[in-house]
Amino acid sequence: MADHRLRDEFPRWLVPAVAALMLATFAYSVLITANILVWFALWSTVLGLALTVFVVYLLYRLVVAVEEIAEKT
């Protein structure tokens, strides 16, 4: 199935890039705006959107699996 392919294609640069982005936005929110709530609001929104996309993807995989099972019977 496609889950092994997705696991193998995970880019190695993504984790350091996200960490650098988080650090840069944290520095901006503390040094420029002097308000850490901006950082929390930004990343909670990003996390909420990512979680929504992930749940929709899992529902899509569930539907595909059920259709494959239905075709085999």
Foldseek 3Di string as FASTA:
>chain_A
DCPVVVVVPPDPCVVVVVVVVLVVVCCCCCPPVVHNVVSVVVVVVVVVVVVVVVVVVVVVVVVVVVVVVVVVD
